[in-house]
C-alpha atoms as a PDB file:
ATOM      1  CA  MET A   1     -28.606  51.146  -5.809  1.00  0.00           C
ATOM      2  CA  ASP A   2     -26.346  51.005  -8.910  1.00  0.00           C
ATOM      3  CA  GLY A   3     -23.342  49.740  -7.311  1.00  0.00           C
ATOM      4  CA  PRO A   4     -21.280  50.129  -4.054  1.00  0.00           C
ATOM      5  CA  GLY A   5     -20.361  53.129  -2.363  1.00  0.00           C
ATOM      6  CA  ILE A   6     -21.567  56.741  -3.355  1.00  0.00           C
ATOM      7  CA  ARG A   7     -22.174  56.887  -7.024  1.00  0.00           C
ATOM      8  CA  MET A   8     -23.493  59.059  -9.634  1.00  0.00           C
ATOM      9  CA  THR A   9     -25.474  57.296 -12.333  1.00  0.00           C
ATOM     10  CA  ILE A  10     -25.707  58.344 -15.882  1.00  0.00           C
ATOM     11  CA  PHE A  11     -28.720  57.153 -17.730  1.00  0.00           C
ATOM     12  CA  THR A  12     -28.241  56.647 -21.538  1.00  0.00           C
ATOM     13  CA  GLN A  13     -30.819  56.682 -24.003  1.00  0.00           C
ATOM     14  CA  GLY A  14     -31.595  53.784 -26.503  1.00  0.00           C
ATOM     15  CA  CYS A  15     -31.744  50.169 -26.039  1.00  0.00           C
ATOM     16  CA  HIS A  16     -32.509  47.305 -28.406  1.00  0.00           C
ATOM     17  CA  HIS A  17     -33.174  44.717 -25.713  1.00  0.00           C
ATOM     18  CA  HIS A  18     -36.635  45.948 -24.662  1.00  0.00           C
ATOM     19  CA  CYS A  19     -36.698  43.544 -21.676  1.00  0.00           C
ATOM     20  CA  PRO A  20     -40.156  43.000 -20.368  1.00  0.00           C
ATOM     21  CA  GLY A  21     -40.316  44.570 -16.907  1.00  0.00           C
ATOM     22  CA  CYS A  22     -37.436  46.827 -17.456  1.00  0.00           C
ATOM     23  CA  GLN A  23     -37.270  49.496 -14.894  1.00  0.00           C
ATOM     24  CA  ASN A  24     -36.442  52.149 -17.309  1.00  0.00           C
ATOM     25  CA  PRO A  25     -38.719  51.495 -20.379  1.00  0.00           C
ATOM     26  CA  GLN A  26     -38.361  55.435 -21.193  1.00  0.00           C
ATOM     27  CA  THR A  27     -34.975  55.029 -22.105  1.00  0.00           C
ATOM     28  CA  HIS A  28     -35.384  52.390 -24.889  1.00  0.00           C
ATOM     29  CA  ASP A  29     -36.397  54.986 -27.625  1.00  0.00           C
ATOM     30  CA  PHE A  30     -33.324  56.152 -29.519  1.00  0.00           C
ATOM     31  CA  ALA A  31     -35.032  59.263 -30.300  1.00  0.00           C
ATOM     32  CA  GLY A  32     -35.780  60.048 -26.779  1.00  0.00           C
ATOM     33  CA  GLY A  33     -33.989  61.884 -23.905  1.00  0.00           C
ATOM     34  CA  HIS A  34     -31.841  64.916 -24.408  1.00  0.00           C
ATOM     35  CA  PHE A  35     -28.055  65.742 -25.141  1.00  0.00           C
ATOM     36  CA  ILE A  36     -25.813  66.733 -22.372  1.00  0.00           C
ATOM     37  CA  ASP A  37     -22.227  67.935 -22.820  1.00  0.00           C
ATOM     38  CA  ILE A  38     -19.466  65.842 -21.319  1.00  0.00           C
ATOM     39  CA  GLU A  39     -17.914  68.765 -19.590  1.00  0.00           C
ATOM     40  CA  GLU A  40     -21.181  69.528 -18.004  1.00  0.00           C
ATOM     41  CA  ILE A  41     -21.224  65.804 -16.577  1.00  0.00           C
ATOM     42  CA  LEU A  42     -17.584  66.172 -15.539  1.00  0.00           C
ATOM     43  CA  ALA A  43     -18.474  69.286 -13.521  1.00  0.00           C
ATOM     44  CA  MET A  44     -21.147  67.643 -11.687  1.00  0.00           C
ATOM     45  CA  ILE A  45     -18.872  64.805 -10.909  1.00  0.00           C
ATOM     46  CA  ASP A  46     -16.065  67.186  -9.720  1.00  0.00           C
ATOM     47  CA  GLU A  47     -18.533  69.136  -7.633  1.00  0.00           C
ATOM     48  CA  ASN A  48     -19.186  65.997  -5.427  1.00  0.00           C
ATOM     49  CA  PRO A  49     -16.041  65.084  -3.534  1.00  0.00           C
ATOM     50  CA  LEU A  50     -17.959  62.170  -1.713  1.00  0.00           C
ATOM     51  CA  LEU A  51     -18.271  60.212  -5.101  1.00  0.00           C
ATOM     52  CA  ASP A  52     -16.609  56.802  -5.086  1.00  0.00           C
ATOM     53  CA  GLY A  53     -17.421  56.160  -8.693  1.00  0.00           C
ATOM     54  CA  VAL A  54     -19.788  56.467 -11.674  1.00  0.00           C
ATOM     55  CA  THR A  55     -22.387  53.976 -13.100  1.00  0.00           C
ATOM     56  CA  PHE A  56     -23.455  53.943 -16.665  1.00  0.00           C
ATOM     57  CA  SER A  57     -27.076  52.545 -17.056  1.00  0.00           C
ATOM     58  CA  GLY A  58     -29.842  53.007 -19.599  1.00  0.00           C
ATOM     59  CA  GLY A  59     -31.108  52.196 -22.000  1.00  0.00           C
ATOM     60  CA  ASP A  60     -27.927  50.316 -22.781  1.00  0.00           C
ATOM     61  CA  PRO A  61     -24.664  52.244 -22.391  1.00  0.00           C
ATOM     62  CA  MET A  62     -23.023  50.113 -25.108  1.00  0.00           C
ATOM     63  CA  GLU A  63     -25.430  51.679 -27.727  1.00  0.00           C
ATOM     64  CA  GLN A  64     -23.795  54.930 -26.691  1.00  0.00           C
ATOM     65  CA  SER A  65     -20.332  53.523 -26.407  1.00  0.00           C
ATOM     66  CA  ALA A  66     -18.547  55.991 -28.769  1.00  0.00           C
ATOM     67  CA  ALA A  67     -19.889  59.019 -27.079  1.00  0.00           C
ATOM     68  CA  LEU A  68     -19.065  57.575 -23.559  1.00  0.00           C
ATOM     69  CA  ILE A  69     -15.550  56.529 -24.202  1.00  0.00           C
ATOM     70  CA  PRO A  70     -14.247  60.208 -23.609  1.00  0.00           C
ATOM     71  CA  LEU A  71     -16.229  60.304 -20.455  1.00  0.00           C
ATOM     72  CA  ALA A  72     -15.093  57.091 -19.228  1.00  0.00           C
ATOM     73  CA  ARG A  73     -11.378  57.930 -19.858  1.00  0.00           C
ATOM     74  CA  GLU A  74     -11.774  61.243 -17.749  1.00  0.00           C
ATOM     75  CA  ILE A  75     -13.704  59.117 -14.944  1.00  0.00           C
ATOM     76  CA  LYS A  76     -10.581  56.900 -14.673  1.00  0.00           C
ATOM     77  CA  GLU A  77      -8.205  59.743 -14.732  1.00  0.00           C
ATOM     78  CA  ARG A  78     -10.008  61.174 -11.675  1.00  0.00           C
ATOM     79  CA  GLY A  79      -9.303  57.887 -10.040  1.00  0.00           C
ATOM     80  CA  MET A  80     -12.886  56.707  -9.786  1.00  0.00           C
ATOM     81  CA  ASN A  81     -14.306  53.452 -10.495  1.00  0.00           C
ATOM     82  CA  LEU A  82     -16.717  52.723 -13.428  1.00  0.00           C
ATOM     83  CA  ILE A  83     -19.556  50.207 -13.405  1.00  0.00           C
ATOM     84  CA  ILE A  84     -21.414  49.544 -16.735  1.00  0.00           C
ATOM     85  CA  TYR A  85     -24.949  47.887 -16.886  1.00  0.00           C
ATOM     86  CA  THR A  86     -25.628  46.124 -20.345  1.00  0.00           C
ATOM     87  CA  GLY A  87     -28.251  43.753 -21.725  1.00  0.00           C
ATOM     88  CA  TYR A  88     -25.506  42.332 -23.730  1.00  0.00           C
ATOM     89  CA  THR A  89     -23.686  39.343 -22.147  1.00  0.00           C
ATOM     90  CA  TYR A  90     -19.840  39.651 -21.525  1.00  0.00           C
ATOM     91  CA  GLU A  91     -19.304  36.684 -24.272  1.00  0.00           C
ATOM     92  CA  ARG A  92     -21.465  38.554 -26.703  1.00  0.00           C
ATOM     93  CA  LEU A  93     -19.455  41.790 -26.203  1.00  0.00           C
ATOM     94  CA  MET A  94     -16.249  39.680 -26.779  1.00  0.00           C
ATOM     95  CA  GLU A  95     -18.020  38.232 -30.181  1.00  0.00           C
ATOM     96  CA  LEU A  96     -18.575  41.861 -31.347  1.00  0.00           C
ATOM     97  CA  LYS A  97     -15.093  43.008 -30.479  1.00  0.00           C
ATOM     98  CA  ASP A  98     -14.263  43.216 -34.221  1.00  0.00           C
ATOM     99  CA  GLU A  99     -17.551  44.469 -35.508  1.00  0.00           C
ATOM    100  CA  ARG A 100     -18.046  47.110 -32.715  1.00  0.00           C
ATOM    101  CA  PRO A 101     -14.565  48.002 -31.387  1.00  0.00           C
ATOM    102  CA  ASP A 102     -16.255  50.827 -29.469  1.00  0.00           C
ATOM    103  CA  PHE A 103     -18.093  48.438 -27.366  1.00  0.00           C
ATOM    104  CA  PHE A 104     -14.807  46.717 -26.478  1.00  0.00           C
ATOM    105  CA  GLU A 105     -13.115  50.087 -25.821  1.00  0.00           C
ATOM    106  CA  LEU A 106     -15.598  51.309 -23.543  1.00  0.00           C
ATOM    107  CA  LEU A 107     -15.464  47.946 -21.611  1.00  0.00           C
ATOM    108  CA  THR A 108     -11.789  48.290 -21.044  1.00  0.00           C
ATOM    109  CA  PHE A 109     -12.466  51.297 -18.783  1.00  0.00           C
ATOM    110  CA  ALA A 110     -14.932  49.348 -16.613  1.00  0.00           C
ATOM    111  CA  ASP A 111     -14.112  47.939 -13.418  1.00  0.00           C
ATOM    112  CA  ILE A 112     -17.424  46.070 -12.989  1.00  0.00           C
ATOM    113  CA  LEU A 113     -19.864  44.976 -15.845  1.00  0.00           C
ATOM    114  CA  ILE A 114     -23.504  43.924 -14.795  1.00  0.00           C
ATOM    115  CA  ASP A 115     -24.260  41.962 -17.972  1.00  0.00           C
ATOM    116  CA  GLY A 116     -27.258  40.285 -19.380  1.00  0.00           C
ATOM    117  CA  PRO A 117     -30.884  41.046 -20.102  1.00  0.00           C
ATOM    118  CA  PHE A 118     -33.372  41.585 -17.340  1.00  0.00           C
ATOM    119  CA  VAL A 119     -35.713  38.502 -17.085  1.00  0.00           C
ATOM    120  CA  MET A 120     -38.805  38.907 -15.217  1.00  0.00           C
ATOM    121  CA  ALA A 121     -39.116  35.132 -14.553  1.00  0.00           C
ATOM    122  CA  LYS A 122     -35.647  35.446 -12.756  1.00  0.00           C
ATOM    123  CA  ARG A 123     -36.427  38.691 -10.891  1.00  0.00           C
ATOM    124  CA  SER A 124     -35.332  38.918  -7.238  1.00  0.00           C
ATOM    125  CA  LEU A 125     -35.236  41.804  -4.792  1.00  0.00           C
ATOM    126  CA  GLU A 126     -32.546  39.981  -2.816  1.00  0.00           C
ATOM    127  CA  LEU A 127     -29.948  40.374  -5.301  1.00  0.00           C
ATOM    128  CA  LYS A 128     -27.199  42.979  -4.998  1.00  0.00           C
ATOM    129  CA  PHE A 129     -27.037  45.462  -7.890  1.00  0.00           C
ATOM    130  CA  ARG A 130     -29.107  43.284 -10.324  1.00  0.00           C
ATOM    131  CA  GLY A 131     -32.697  42.829 -11.198  1.00  0.00           C
ATOM    132  CA  SER A 132     -32.708  39.034 -12.180  1.00  0.00           C
ATOM    133  CA  SER A 133     -30.431  36.215 -11.165  1.00  0.00           C
ATOM    134  CA  ASN A 134     -29.138  35.588 -14.706  1.00  0.00           C
ATOM    135  CA  GLN A 135     -27.275  38.800 -14.632  1.00  0.00           C
ATOM    136  CA  ARG A 136     -23.691  38.692 -13.388  1.00  0.00           C
ATOM    137  CA  ILE A 137     -21.467  41.066 -11.568  1.00  0.00           C
ATOM    138  CA  ILE A 138     -18.249  40.712 -13.515  1.00  0.00           C
ATOM    139  CA  ASP A 139     -14.690  41.787 -12.649  1.00  0.00           C
ATOM    140  CA  VAL A 140     -13.690  43.354 -15.956  1.00  0.00           C
ATOM    141  CA  PRO A 141      -9.980  43.745 -15.611  1.00  0.00           C
ATOM    142  CA  GLU A 142      -9.495  40.224 -14.227  1.00  0.00           C
ATOM    143  CA  SER A 143     -11.795  39.009 -17.013  1.00  0.00           C
ATOM    144  CA  LEU A 144      -9.918  40.775 -19.702  1.00  0.00           C
ATOM    145  CA  ALA A 145      -6.668  39.414 -18.197  1.00  0.00           C
ATOM    146  CA  GLN A 146      -7.744  35.785 -17.865  1.00  0.00           C
ATOM    147  CA  GLY A 147      -9.739  35.793 -21.164  1.00  0.00           C
ATOM    148  CA  ARG A 148     -12.810  34.316 -19.414  1.00  0.00           C
ATOM    149  CA  VAL A 149     -15.608  35.625 -17.124  1.00  0.00           C
ATOM    150  CA  VAL A 150     -14.283  36.258 -13.624  1.00  0.00           C
ATOM    151  CA  LEU A 151     -17.246  37.067 -11.081  1.00  0.00           C
ATOM    152  CA  HIS A 152     -16.524  40.074  -8.880  1.00  0.00           C
ATOM    153  CA  GLN A 153     -16.205  39.455  -5.351  1.00  0.00           C
ATOM    154  CA  ILE A 154     -19.136  41.251  -4.568  1.00  0.00           C
ATOM    155  CA  GLN A 155     -21.195  38.405  -6.281  1.00  0.00           C
ATOM    156  CA  LEU A 156     -18.903  35.718  -4.820  1.00  0.00           C
ATOM    157  CA  ASP A 157     -19.586  36.971  -1.448  1.00  0.00           C
ATOM    158  CA  GLU A 158     -23.562  37.071  -2.185  1.00  0.00           C
ATOM    159  CA  MET A 159     -23.395  33.535  -3.170  1.00  0.00           C
ATOM    160  CA  ALA A 160     -21.520  32.517  -0.152  1.00  0.00           C
ATOM    161  CA  GLU A 161     -24.109  34.258   2.003  1.00  0.00           C
ATOM    162  CA  ARG A 162     -26.739  31.860   0.435  1.00  0.00           C
ATOM    163  CA  GLU A 163     -24.910  28.564   1.046  1.00  0.00           C
ATOM    164  CA  PRO A 164     -27.125  26.448   3.157  1.00  0.00           C
ATOM    165  CA  LEU A 165     -25.994  25.750   6.541  1.00  0.00           C
ATOM    166  CA  ALA A 166     -26.079  22.232   7.909  1.00  0.00           C
ATOM    167  CA  VAL A 167     -26.879  21.594  11.457  1.00  0.00           C
ATOM    168  CA  LYS A 168     -26.971  18.146  13.175  1.00  0.00           C
ATOM    169  CA  CYS A 169     -29.823  18.169  15.660  1.00  0.00           C
ATOM    170  CA  ALA A 170     -30.639  15.436  18.215  1.00  0.00           C
ATOM    171  CA  VAL A 171     -34.308  14.448  17.971  1.00  0.00           C
END
């Protein structure tokens, strides 16, 4: 599941991270995949009135950011939410803001960012929308507004569900 609700997931081609255990290793090669016109993708989105949003996955969508920006803009204009998965951390994306302004521009369209590389040693099947516990579910608009990482309510709810309950027992 690539996010809450009914979603269309777009898998991009090309990834520099090469995380061991990646669920999509066939998307790492920048020479792989095939081109698809943005208008064709938008037609698929428009054909499904049940969609809540779109997810960019990969590969790493940030590596295709310049091509995804017009699509992200159209998705937002349709009133849909956008989730982006990336092996980059939010902090690294902020560091690259001047060097790779396309990374930052794409990020500004996202509602949620799932950040960080997949780490096999931190893998968990119990996590919502993530493969390993180092990855975060980030509320992008709030993080940009506050100038710091703000976890999305989905992750905060998940963390609260894990809080141990203390019960006083008579023995």
